[in-house]
N, C-alpha and C. Protein backbone atom coordinates (compact mmCIF):
# COMPACT_ATOMS: atom_id res chain seq x y z
N UNK A 1 33.61 66.73 -30.59
CA UNK A 1 33.27 66.45 -31.96
C UNK A 1 34.50 65.86 -32.64
N UNK A 2 34.28 64.74 -33.30
CA UNK A 2 35.35 64.09 -34.04
C UNK A 2 35.00 64.19 -35.52
N UNK A 3 35.88 64.77 -36.29
CA UNK A 3 35.63 64.94 -37.72
C UNK A 3 36.69 64.17 -38.49
N UNK A 4 36.23 63.31 -39.40
CA UNK A 4 37.14 62.61 -40.30
C UNK A 4 37.93 61.48 -39.66
N UNK A 5 37.41 60.90 -38.57
CA UNK A 5 38.12 59.77 -37.98
C UNK A 5 37.47 58.47 -38.42
N UNK A 6 38.22 57.41 -38.39
CA UNK A 6 37.72 56.10 -38.79
C UNK A 6 36.64 55.64 -37.81
N UNK A 7 35.64 54.93 -38.32
CA UNK A 7 34.50 54.52 -37.51
C UNK A 7 34.89 53.69 -36.29
N UNK A 8 35.92 52.85 -36.40
CA UNK A 8 36.32 52.06 -35.25
C UNK A 8 36.82 52.95 -34.12
N UNK A 9 37.54 54.01 -34.46
CA UNK A 9 38.01 54.95 -33.44
C UNK A 9 36.83 55.74 -32.87
N UNK A 10 35.85 56.07 -33.71
CA UNK A 10 34.66 56.78 -33.23
C UNK A 10 33.91 55.92 -32.23
N UNK A 11 33.74 54.63 -32.53
CA UNK A 11 33.04 53.74 -31.60
C UNK A 11 33.77 53.65 -30.27
N UNK A 12 35.08 53.54 -30.32
CA UNK A 12 35.86 53.48 -29.08
C UNK A 12 35.71 54.78 -28.29
N UNK A 13 35.80 55.92 -28.95
CA UNK A 13 35.67 57.21 -28.27
C UNK A 13 34.27 57.38 -27.70
N UNK A 14 33.24 56.99 -28.45
CA UNK A 14 31.87 57.09 -27.96
C UNK A 14 31.67 56.23 -26.72
N UNK A 15 32.22 55.05 -26.73
CA UNK A 15 32.11 54.14 -25.58
C UNK A 15 32.79 54.74 -24.36
N UNK A 16 33.97 55.34 -24.56
CA UNK A 16 34.71 55.95 -23.44
C UNK A 16 33.95 57.15 -22.88
N UNK A 17 33.40 57.99 -23.74
CA UNK A 17 32.67 59.17 -23.28
C UNK A 17 31.43 58.75 -22.50
N UNK A 18 30.67 57.82 -23.02
CA UNK A 18 29.42 57.41 -22.35
C UNK A 18 29.70 56.70 -21.04
N UNK A 19 30.82 56.02 -20.93
CA UNK A 19 31.12 55.26 -19.70
C UNK A 19 31.44 56.18 -18.53
N UNK A 20 32.00 57.34 -18.80
CA UNK A 20 32.45 58.19 -17.70
C UNK A 20 31.72 59.50 -17.53
N UNK A 21 30.72 59.78 -18.37
CA UNK A 21 30.05 61.08 -18.27
C UNK A 21 28.55 60.93 -18.48
N UNK A 22 27.86 62.02 -18.27
CA UNK A 22 26.43 62.04 -18.55
C UNK A 22 26.15 62.74 -19.88
N UNK A 23 27.12 62.74 -20.78
CA UNK A 23 27.00 63.43 -22.06
C UNK A 23 26.06 62.68 -23.00
N UNK A 24 25.29 63.44 -23.76
CA UNK A 24 24.50 62.90 -24.85
C UNK A 24 25.45 62.73 -26.02
N UNK A 25 25.54 61.52 -26.56
CA UNK A 25 26.44 61.28 -27.68
C UNK A 25 25.63 61.08 -28.95
N UNK A 26 26.03 61.78 -30.00
CA UNK A 26 25.35 61.71 -31.29
C UNK A 26 26.39 61.44 -32.36
N UNK A 27 26.09 60.50 -33.24
CA UNK A 27 26.98 60.20 -34.36
C UNK A 27 26.30 60.59 -35.67
N UNK A 28 26.95 61.44 -36.44
CA UNK A 28 26.49 61.79 -37.78
C UNK A 28 27.51 61.17 -38.73
N UNK A 29 27.12 60.12 -39.42
CA UNK A 29 28.07 59.36 -40.20
C UNK A 29 27.35 58.68 -41.37
N UNK A 30 28.12 57.98 -42.19
CA UNK A 30 27.51 57.18 -43.25
C UNK A 30 27.08 55.82 -42.72
N UNK A 31 27.48 55.51 -41.50
CA UNK A 31 27.22 54.22 -40.89
C UNK A 31 26.49 54.43 -39.56
N UNK A 32 25.88 53.39 -39.03
CA UNK A 32 25.22 53.45 -37.72
C UNK A 32 26.25 53.15 -36.64
N UNK A 33 26.27 53.96 -35.60
CA UNK A 33 27.18 53.76 -34.48
C UNK A 33 26.39 53.33 -33.26
N UNK A 34 26.50 52.05 -32.92
CA UNK A 34 25.72 51.49 -31.82
C UNK A 34 26.13 52.03 -30.45
N UNK A 35 27.30 52.65 -30.36
CA UNK A 35 27.76 53.19 -29.09
C UNK A 35 27.31 54.64 -28.88
N UNK A 36 26.64 55.21 -29.85
CA UNK A 36 26.09 56.56 -29.69
C UNK A 36 24.65 56.45 -29.19
N UNK A 37 24.22 57.45 -28.44
CA UNK A 37 22.83 57.46 -27.97
C UNK A 37 21.89 57.78 -29.14
N UNK A 38 22.36 58.59 -30.08
CA UNK A 38 21.63 58.90 -31.31
C UNK A 38 22.61 58.72 -32.46
N UNK A 39 22.17 58.04 -33.50
CA UNK A 39 23.02 57.83 -34.66
C UNK A 39 22.20 58.14 -35.90
N UNK A 40 22.69 59.05 -36.72
CA UNK A 40 21.96 59.47 -37.90
C UNK A 40 22.87 59.38 -39.13
N UNK A 41 22.32 58.84 -40.20
CA UNK A 41 23.11 58.61 -41.41
C UNK A 41 22.85 59.67 -42.48
N UNK A 42 23.87 59.95 -43.25
CA UNK A 42 23.76 60.72 -44.48
C UNK A 42 22.95 62.01 -44.34
N UNK A 43 23.38 62.87 -43.45
CA UNK A 43 22.67 64.13 -43.23
C UNK A 43 23.01 65.16 -44.30
N UNK A 44 22.00 65.89 -44.72
CA UNK A 44 22.21 67.08 -45.52
C UNK A 44 21.70 68.26 -44.68
N UNK A 45 21.72 69.45 -45.24
CA UNK A 45 21.33 70.63 -44.47
C UNK A 45 19.89 70.52 -43.97
N UNK A 46 18.98 70.05 -44.80
CA UNK A 46 17.57 69.94 -44.42
C UNK A 46 17.38 68.95 -43.27
N UNK A 47 18.04 67.78 -43.37
CA UNK A 47 17.91 66.78 -42.31
C UNK A 47 18.54 67.27 -41.01
N UNK A 48 19.67 67.95 -41.09
CA UNK A 48 20.32 68.49 -39.90
C UNK A 48 19.42 69.54 -39.24
N UNK A 49 18.78 70.36 -40.05
CA UNK A 49 17.84 71.34 -39.52
C UNK A 49 16.70 70.66 -38.78
N UNK A 50 16.24 69.52 -39.29
CA UNK A 50 15.18 68.77 -38.63
C UNK A 50 15.64 68.24 -37.27
N UNK A 51 16.85 67.71 -37.22
CA UNK A 51 17.40 67.20 -35.95
C UNK A 51 17.48 68.33 -34.92
N UNK A 52 17.97 69.49 -35.32
CA UNK A 52 18.06 70.64 -34.42
C UNK A 52 16.67 71.06 -33.96
N UNK A 53 15.69 71.07 -34.87
CA UNK A 53 14.32 71.44 -34.52
C UNK A 53 13.72 70.49 -33.49
N UNK A 54 14.00 69.20 -33.64
CA UNK A 54 13.50 68.21 -32.68
C UNK A 54 14.07 68.48 -31.28
N UNK A 55 15.38 68.73 -31.20
CA UNK A 55 15.99 69.01 -29.90
C UNK A 55 15.41 70.28 -29.28
N UNK A 56 15.21 71.31 -30.09
CA UNK A 56 14.62 72.56 -29.58
C UNK A 56 13.20 72.33 -29.08
N UNK A 57 12.42 71.55 -29.82
CA UNK A 57 11.04 71.26 -29.43
C UNK A 57 10.99 70.49 -28.10
N UNK A 58 11.83 69.49 -27.97
CA UNK A 58 11.86 68.69 -26.74
C UNK A 58 12.27 69.56 -25.55
N UNK A 59 13.29 70.39 -25.73
CA UNK A 59 13.73 71.29 -24.65
C UNK A 59 12.58 72.21 -24.24
N UNK A 60 11.86 72.75 -25.22
CA UNK A 60 10.75 73.66 -24.92
C UNK A 60 9.63 72.92 -24.20
N UNK A 61 9.25 71.74 -24.69
CA UNK A 61 8.17 70.96 -24.08
C UNK A 61 8.51 70.54 -22.65
N UNK A 62 9.77 70.24 -22.40
CA UNK A 62 10.19 69.83 -21.06
C UNK A 62 10.54 71.01 -20.16
N UNK A 63 10.50 72.21 -20.72
CA UNK A 63 10.80 73.41 -19.94
C UNK A 63 12.26 73.52 -19.55
N UNK A 64 13.14 73.04 -20.41
CA UNK A 64 14.57 73.10 -20.14
C UNK A 64 15.14 74.34 -20.82
N UNK A 65 15.41 75.35 -20.04
CA UNK A 65 15.95 76.60 -20.59
C UNK A 65 17.46 76.52 -20.70
N UNK A 66 17.99 77.19 -21.70
CA UNK A 66 19.44 77.28 -21.84
C UNK A 66 19.97 78.19 -20.74
N UNK A 67 21.09 77.84 -20.11
CA UNK A 67 21.65 78.70 -19.07
C UNK A 67 22.04 80.07 -19.63
N UNK A 68 21.72 81.11 -18.89
CA UNK A 68 22.01 82.48 -19.34
C UNK A 68 23.52 82.73 -19.43
N UNK A 69 24.31 82.04 -18.60
CA UNK A 69 25.76 82.26 -18.61
C UNK A 69 26.48 81.44 -19.68
N UNK A 70 25.74 80.63 -20.44
CA UNK A 70 26.36 79.85 -21.51
C UNK A 70 27.01 78.56 -21.04
N UNK A 71 26.95 78.27 -19.75
CA UNK A 71 27.56 77.04 -19.22
C UNK A 71 26.64 75.85 -19.50
N UNK A 72 26.76 75.32 -20.69
CA UNK A 72 25.85 74.27 -21.14
C UNK A 72 26.38 72.85 -20.92
N UNK A 73 27.62 72.72 -20.49
CA UNK A 73 28.19 71.40 -20.25
C UNK A 73 28.30 71.18 -18.75
N UNK A 74 27.56 70.18 -18.25
CA UNK A 74 27.63 69.83 -16.83
C UNK A 74 28.74 68.81 -16.63
N UNK A 75 29.55 69.02 -15.61
CA UNK A 75 30.66 68.13 -15.33
C UNK A 75 30.23 67.00 -14.41
N UNK A 76 30.93 65.88 -14.49
CA UNK A 76 30.67 64.76 -13.58
C UNK A 76 31.31 65.06 -12.23
N UNK A 77 31.01 64.23 -11.24
CA UNK A 77 31.58 64.42 -9.90
C UNK A 77 33.10 64.46 -9.89
N UNK A 78 33.71 63.55 -10.62
CA UNK A 78 35.17 63.53 -10.71
C UNK A 78 35.70 64.79 -11.37
N UNK A 79 35.04 65.23 -12.44
CA UNK A 79 35.47 66.44 -13.13
C UNK A 79 35.29 67.67 -12.24
N UNK A 80 34.22 67.71 -11.44
CA UNK A 80 33.98 68.83 -10.52
C UNK A 80 35.10 68.91 -9.50
N UNK A 81 35.48 67.77 -8.93
CA UNK A 81 36.57 67.76 -7.95
C UNK A 81 37.89 68.19 -8.58
N UNK A 82 38.14 67.75 -9.81
CA UNK A 82 39.39 68.11 -10.50
C UNK A 82 39.42 69.58 -10.90
N UNK A 83 38.24 70.20 -11.00
CA UNK A 83 38.16 71.61 -11.40
C UNK A 83 37.75 72.51 -10.24
N UNK A 84 38.11 72.11 -9.02
CA UNK A 84 37.95 72.92 -7.82
C UNK A 84 36.52 73.40 -7.61
N UNK A 85 35.53 72.51 -7.80
CA UNK A 85 34.14 72.83 -7.51
C UNK A 85 33.34 73.41 -8.66
N UNK A 86 33.97 73.65 -9.80
CA UNK A 86 33.23 74.17 -10.96
C UNK A 86 32.31 73.06 -11.45
N UNK A 87 30.99 73.34 -11.54
CA UNK A 87 30.02 72.32 -11.91
C UNK A 87 29.62 72.32 -13.37
N UNK A 88 29.78 73.46 -14.05
CA UNK A 88 29.42 73.51 -15.46
C UNK A 88 30.33 74.52 -16.16
N UNK A 89 30.47 74.34 -17.47
CA UNK A 89 31.37 75.21 -18.23
C UNK A 89 30.72 75.60 -19.54
N UNK A 90 31.24 76.66 -20.14
CA UNK A 90 30.82 77.12 -21.45
C UNK A 90 31.82 76.57 -22.47
N UNK A 91 31.40 75.67 -23.38
CA UNK A 91 32.35 75.07 -24.31
C UNK A 91 32.91 76.04 -25.34
N UNK A 92 32.31 77.23 -25.46
CA UNK A 92 32.77 78.19 -26.45
C UNK A 92 33.82 79.15 -25.89
N UNK A 93 34.11 79.04 -24.59
CA UNK A 93 35.10 79.91 -23.96
C UNK A 93 36.33 79.08 -23.63
N UNK A 94 37.45 79.52 -24.12
CA UNK A 94 38.70 78.77 -23.89
C UNK A 94 39.25 78.99 -22.50
C-alpha cells in the first residue's frame, strides 16, 4: 500500500508489481491509474464498503475460502526459491 505518493510514482510501482507477481493491484486515488487492475476514484466510507462487499461476494460465489492460517499472499516462483520453499505468507505477521 502506497499512501500519499505522487501519481507518477504510483504508476511506476504498479507497473513493477504487476510485471513480476500475480498480485491484484488496486488504486484508490483522485485519478485513474491505467497500470492498476482496478482503479477507483474519490472513495468515501460507503463506496469503500461497496468495494469490499463486491470482493466478498465474488470470493463466496467462486468458493474461494480464506486460508485458516492467515497466509493470504501467494509468492511467485522466484520469491518461493528466495524464501526456502515458503509458498505463502501472512502479511499481518512481521
